[in-house]
């Protein structure tokens, strides 16, 4: 079975997950490893977020992974990658999404970004969204430290 058994494993590179040929590793987070891949059917480059094999048998983790995909797929916004597919190939669960080229946000981890500072100073109620005319696209639960 294909998989990323350890957080540093690159055994998927050069292999297929469905119609996707995994080309390189882009990074990893709490819910999986992200790879650059080629969608051979549509001839486009995508990002594949793969749930580690150690978590595929954990129903709670799978639900959370799929909930993340549904939440992202429900929103159309230039700042959110488009979700193309949630799939499974030989027991490996993945999300295929738009690959957004550019710099990583890693250097900004733990640093308040301008939109977060605006949100924090806005005095909005929890869960409220601001309209674009206010210059704020964020939830009031965002804080300047996240």
C-alpha atoms as a PDB file:
ATOM      1  CA  UNK A   1       0.000   0.000   0.000  1.00  0.00           C
ATOM      2  CA  UNK A   2       1.204   3.519  -0.798  1.00  0.00           C
ATOM      3  CA  UNK A   3       1.512   5.883   2.098  1.00  0.00           C
ATOM      4  CA  UNK A   4       3.471   8.376   4.087  1.00  0.00           C
ATOM      5  CA  UNK A   5       4.088   6.327   7.198  1.00  0.00           C
ATOM      6  CA  UNK A   6       6.410   8.839   8.803  1.00  0.00           C
ATOM      7  CA  UNK A   7       6.171  12.636   8.653  1.00  0.00           C
ATOM      8  CA  UNK A   8       9.435  12.777   6.667  1.00  0.00           C
ATOM      9  CA  UNK A   9       8.611   9.945   4.243  1.00  0.00           C
ATOM     10  CA  UNK A  10       8.811  10.740   0.530  1.00  0.00           C
ATOM     11  CA  UNK A  11       7.845   7.295  -0.730  1.00  0.00           C
ATOM     12  CA  UNK A  12       4.965   8.758  -2.763  1.00  0.00           C
ATOM     13  CA  UNK A  13       7.254  10.755  -5.063  1.00  0.00           C
ATOM     14  CA  UNK A  14       7.162   9.222  -8.536  1.00  0.00           C
ATOM     15  CA  UNK A  15       4.038   7.176  -7.748  1.00  0.00           C
ATOM     16  CA  UNK A  16       0.378   7.586  -8.659  1.00  0.00           C
ATOM     17  CA  UNK A  17      -2.577   8.395  -6.447  1.00  0.00           C
ATOM     18  CA  UNK A  18      -5.426   7.803  -8.862  1.00  0.00           C
ATOM     19  CA  UNK A  19      -4.829  10.035 -11.888  1.00  0.00           C
ATOM     20  CA  UNK A  20      -2.234  12.129 -10.033  1.00  0.00           C
ATOM     21  CA  UNK A  21       1.503  11.587 -10.500  1.00  0.00           C
ATOM     22  CA  UNK A  22       3.286  12.794  -7.357  1.00  0.00           C
ATOM     23  CA  UNK A  23       6.276  14.937  -8.352  1.00  0.00           C
ATOM     24  CA  UNK A  24       7.683  16.486  -5.182  1.00  0.00           C
ATOM     25  CA  UNK A  25       7.013  17.265  -1.558  1.00  0.00           C
ATOM     26  CA  UNK A  26       5.953  20.822  -0.714  1.00  0.00           C
ATOM     27  CA  UNK A  27       5.507  20.638   3.049  1.00  0.00           C
ATOM     28  CA  UNK A  28       3.592  19.157   5.919  1.00  0.00           C
ATOM     29  CA  UNK A  29       1.202  20.211   8.626  1.00  0.00           C
ATOM     30  CA  UNK A  30      -0.876  18.726  11.395  1.00  0.00           C
ATOM     31  CA  UNK A  31      -3.285  16.951   9.058  1.00  0.00           C
ATOM     32  CA  UNK A  32      -0.988  15.698   6.349  1.00  0.00           C
ATOM     33  CA  UNK A  33       1.797  16.059   3.845  1.00  0.00           C
ATOM     34  CA  UNK A  34       1.360  18.261   0.777  1.00  0.00           C
ATOM     35  CA  UNK A  35       2.829  17.248  -2.565  1.00  0.00           C
ATOM     36  CA  UNK A  36       3.080  18.826  -5.982  1.00  0.00           C
ATOM     37  CA  UNK A  37       1.451  16.473  -8.494  1.00  0.00           C
ATOM     38  CA  UNK A  38       0.388  16.287 -12.112  1.00  0.00           C
ATOM     39  CA  UNK A  39      -3.246  15.519 -12.872  1.00  0.00           C
ATOM     40  CA  UNK A  40      -2.592  13.344 -15.910  1.00  0.00           C
ATOM     41  CA  UNK A  41      -6.219  13.374 -17.004  1.00  0.00           C
ATOM     42  CA  UNK A  42      -6.599  17.181 -17.140  1.00  0.00           C
ATOM     43  CA  UNK A  43      -2.892  17.977 -17.642  1.00  0.00           C
ATOM     44  CA  UNK A  44      -2.661  20.459 -14.791  1.00  0.00           C
ATOM     45  CA  UNK A  45      -0.410  20.749 -11.783  1.00  0.00           C
ATOM     46  CA  UNK A  46      -2.151  20.391  -8.426  1.00  0.00           C
ATOM     47  CA  UNK A  47      -1.397  20.253  -4.734  1.00  0.00           C
ATOM     48  CA  UNK A  48      -2.201  16.907  -3.097  1.00  0.00           C
ATOM     49  CA  UNK A  49      -2.727  16.923   0.634  1.00  0.00           C
ATOM     50  CA  UNK A  50      -2.312  13.345   1.829  1.00  0.00           C
ATOM     51  CA  UNK A  51      -3.535  11.989   5.135  1.00  0.00           C
ATOM     52  CA  UNK A  52      -0.688   9.980   6.690  1.00  0.00           C
ATOM     53  CA  UNK A  53      -1.234   6.213   6.579  1.00  0.00           C
ATOM     54  CA  UNK A  54      -1.085   6.089  10.368  1.00  0.00           C
ATOM     55  CA  UNK A  55      -4.315   8.158  10.460  1.00  0.00           C
ATOM     56  CA  UNK A  56      -6.344   6.491   7.685  1.00  0.00           C
ATOM     57  CA  UNK A  57      -7.814   3.926  10.066  1.00  0.00           C
ATOM     58  CA  UNK A  58      -8.708   6.633  12.620  1.00  0.00           C
ATOM     59  CA  UNK A  59     -12.352   7.495  11.844  1.00  0.00           C
ATOM     60  CA  UNK A  60     -12.119  10.788  13.712  1.00  0.00           C
ATOM     61  CA  UNK A  61      -9.074  11.943  11.709  1.00  0.00           C
ATOM     62  CA  UNK A  62     -10.676  10.907   8.419  1.00  0.00           C
ATOM     63  CA  UNK A  63     -13.851  12.839   9.256  1.00  0.00           C
ATOM     64  CA  UNK A  64     -11.801  15.896  10.193  1.00  0.00           C
ATOM     65  CA  UNK A  65      -9.770  15.644   6.961  1.00  0.00           C
ATOM     66  CA  UNK A  66     -12.922  15.364   4.851  1.00  0.00           C
ATOM     67  CA  UNK A  67     -14.616  18.175   6.823  1.00  0.00           C
ATOM     68  CA  UNK A  68     -11.616  20.398   6.025  1.00  0.00           C
ATOM     69  CA  UNK A  69     -12.038  19.620   2.314  1.00  0.00           C
ATOM     70  CA  UNK A  70     -15.789  20.310   2.386  1.00  0.00           C
ATOM     71  CA  UNK A  71     -15.264  23.615   4.198  1.00  0.00           C
ATOM     72  CA  UNK A  72     -12.681  24.796   1.660  1.00  0.00           C
ATOM     73  CA  UNK A  73     -14.816  23.579  -1.258  1.00  0.00           C
ATOM     74  CA  UNK A  74     -17.803  25.564   0.031  1.00  0.00           C
ATOM     75  CA  UNK A  75     -15.955  28.876  -0.343  1.00  0.00           C
ATOM     76  CA  UNK A  76     -14.995  30.641  -3.535  1.00  0.00           C
ATOM     77  CA  UNK A  77     -12.387  33.295  -2.839  1.00  0.00           C
ATOM     78  CA  UNK A  78      -9.103  34.337  -4.447  1.00  0.00           C
ATOM     79  CA  UNK A  79      -7.265  33.693  -1.161  1.00  0.00           C
ATOM     80  CA  UNK A  80      -8.512  30.106  -0.766  1.00  0.00           C
ATOM     81  CA  UNK A  81      -7.263  27.245  -2.939  1.00  0.00           C
ATOM     82  CA  UNK A  82      -9.985  25.555  -4.976  1.00  0.00           C
ATOM     83  CA  UNK A  83     -10.636  21.941  -3.963  1.00  0.00           C
ATOM     84  CA  UNK A  84     -10.889  19.654  -7.003  1.00  0.00           C
ATOM     85  CA  UNK A  85     -11.429  16.277  -5.386  1.00  0.00           C
ATOM     86  CA  UNK A  86     -11.353  14.236  -2.205  1.00  0.00           C
ATOM     87  CA  UNK A  87     -10.182  10.770  -3.102  1.00  0.00           C
ATOM     88  CA  UNK A  88      -8.743   7.492  -1.966  1.00  0.00           C
ATOM     89  CA  UNK A  89      -6.285   5.287  -3.820  1.00  0.00           C
ATOM     90  CA  UNK A  90      -5.092   1.962  -2.417  1.00  0.00           C
ATOM     91  CA  UNK A  91      -6.120   3.064   1.077  1.00  0.00           C
ATOM     92  CA  UNK A  92      -4.395   6.457   0.833  1.00  0.00           C
ATOM     93  CA  UNK A  93      -6.777   9.382   1.443  1.00  0.00           C
ATOM     94  CA  UNK A  94      -6.036  12.702  -0.279  1.00  0.00           C
ATOM     95  CA  UNK A  95      -7.391  16.110  -1.218  1.00  0.00           C
ATOM     96  CA  UNK A  96      -6.530  17.397  -4.700  1.00  0.00           C
ATOM     97  CA  UNK A  97      -6.556  21.178  -4.858  1.00  0.00           C
ATOM     98  CA  UNK A  98      -5.353  24.173  -6.757  1.00  0.00           C
ATOM     99  CA  UNK A  99      -1.612  24.654  -6.525  1.00  0.00           C
ATOM    100  CA  UNK A 100      -0.874  28.241  -5.582  1.00  0.00           C
ATOM    101  CA  UNK A 101       2.666  29.158  -6.573  1.00  0.00           C
ATOM    102  CA  UNK A 102       4.609  31.606  -4.447  1.00  0.00           C
ATOM    103  CA  UNK A 103       6.415  32.046  -1.179  1.00  0.00           C
ATOM    104  CA  UNK A 104       5.601  29.958   1.854  1.00  0.00           C
ATOM    105  CA  UNK A 105       3.855  31.535   4.832  1.00  0.00           C
ATOM    106  CA  UNK A 106       6.140  29.651   7.236  1.00  0.00           C
ATOM    107  CA  UNK A 107       8.232  32.767   8.102  1.00  0.00           C
ATOM    108  CA  UNK A 108       5.015  34.453   9.254  1.00  0.00           C
ATOM    109  CA  UNK A 109       3.987  31.707  11.685  1.00  0.00           C
ATOM    110  CA  UNK A 110       3.056  33.334  14.995  1.00  0.00           C
ATOM    111  CA  UNK A 111       3.229  36.831  13.493  1.00  0.00           C
ATOM    112  CA  UNK A 112       0.136  38.999  13.244  1.00  0.00           C
ATOM    113  CA  UNK A 113      -0.651  39.610   9.592  1.00  0.00           C
ATOM    114  CA  UNK A 114      -2.282  42.942   8.685  1.00  0.00           C
ATOM    115  CA  UNK A 115      -5.762  41.409   8.207  1.00  0.00           C
ATOM    116  CA  UNK A 116      -5.563  39.764  11.629  1.00  0.00           C
ATOM    117  CA  UNK A 117      -4.606  43.057  13.252  1.00  0.00           C
ATOM    118  CA  UNK A 118      -7.537  44.764  11.523  1.00  0.00           C
ATOM    119  CA  UNK A 119      -9.865  42.021  12.728  1.00  0.00           C
ATOM    120  CA  UNK A 120      -8.618  42.196  16.282  1.00  0.00           C
ATOM    121  CA  UNK A 121      -9.141  45.949  16.421  1.00  0.00           C
ATOM    122  CA  UNK A 122     -12.590  45.769  14.804  1.00  0.00           C
ATOM    123  CA  UNK A 123     -14.548  44.892  17.926  1.00  0.00           C
ATOM    124  CA  UNK A 124     -16.786  42.427  16.085  1.00  0.00           C
ATOM    125  CA  UNK A 125     -18.834  39.732  17.716  1.00  0.00           C
ATOM    126  CA  UNK A 126     -17.518  36.124  17.638  1.00  0.00           C
ATOM    127  CA  UNK A 127     -18.101  34.385  14.335  1.00  0.00           C
ATOM    128  CA  UNK A 128     -19.098  37.558  12.474  1.00  0.00           C
ATOM    129  CA  UNK A 129     -17.807  38.183   8.963  1.00  0.00           C
ATOM    130  CA  UNK A 130     -17.082  41.625   7.609  1.00  0.00           C
ATOM    131  CA  UNK A 131     -18.087  42.582   4.103  1.00  0.00           C
ATOM    132  CA  UNK A 132     -15.495  43.630   1.530  1.00  0.00           C
ATOM    133  CA  UNK A 133     -16.654  47.263   1.765  1.00  0.00           C
ATOM    134  CA  UNK A 134     -15.314  47.349   5.322  1.00  0.00           C
ATOM    135  CA  UNK A 135     -11.903  46.148   4.103  1.00  0.00           C
ATOM    136  CA  UNK A 136     -12.091  43.072   6.356  1.00  0.00           C
ATOM    137  CA  UNK A 137     -12.485  39.450   5.275  1.00  0.00           C
ATOM    138  CA  UNK A 138     -11.933  37.596   8.500  1.00  0.00           C
ATOM    139  CA  UNK A 139     -13.744  36.176  11.464  1.00  0.00           C
ATOM    140  CA  UNK A 140     -13.815  37.954  14.782  1.00  0.00           C
ATOM    141  CA  UNK A 141     -12.295  34.845  16.318  1.00  0.00           C
ATOM    142  CA  UNK A 142      -9.029  35.646  14.498  1.00  0.00           C
ATOM    143  CA  UNK A 143      -6.501  37.083  16.871  1.00  0.00           C
ATOM    144  CA  UNK A 144      -3.326  39.069  16.327  1.00  0.00           C
ATOM    145  CA  UNK A 145      -1.282  36.175  17.717  1.00  0.00           C
ATOM    146  CA  UNK A 146      -2.500  33.484  15.281  1.00  0.00           C
END
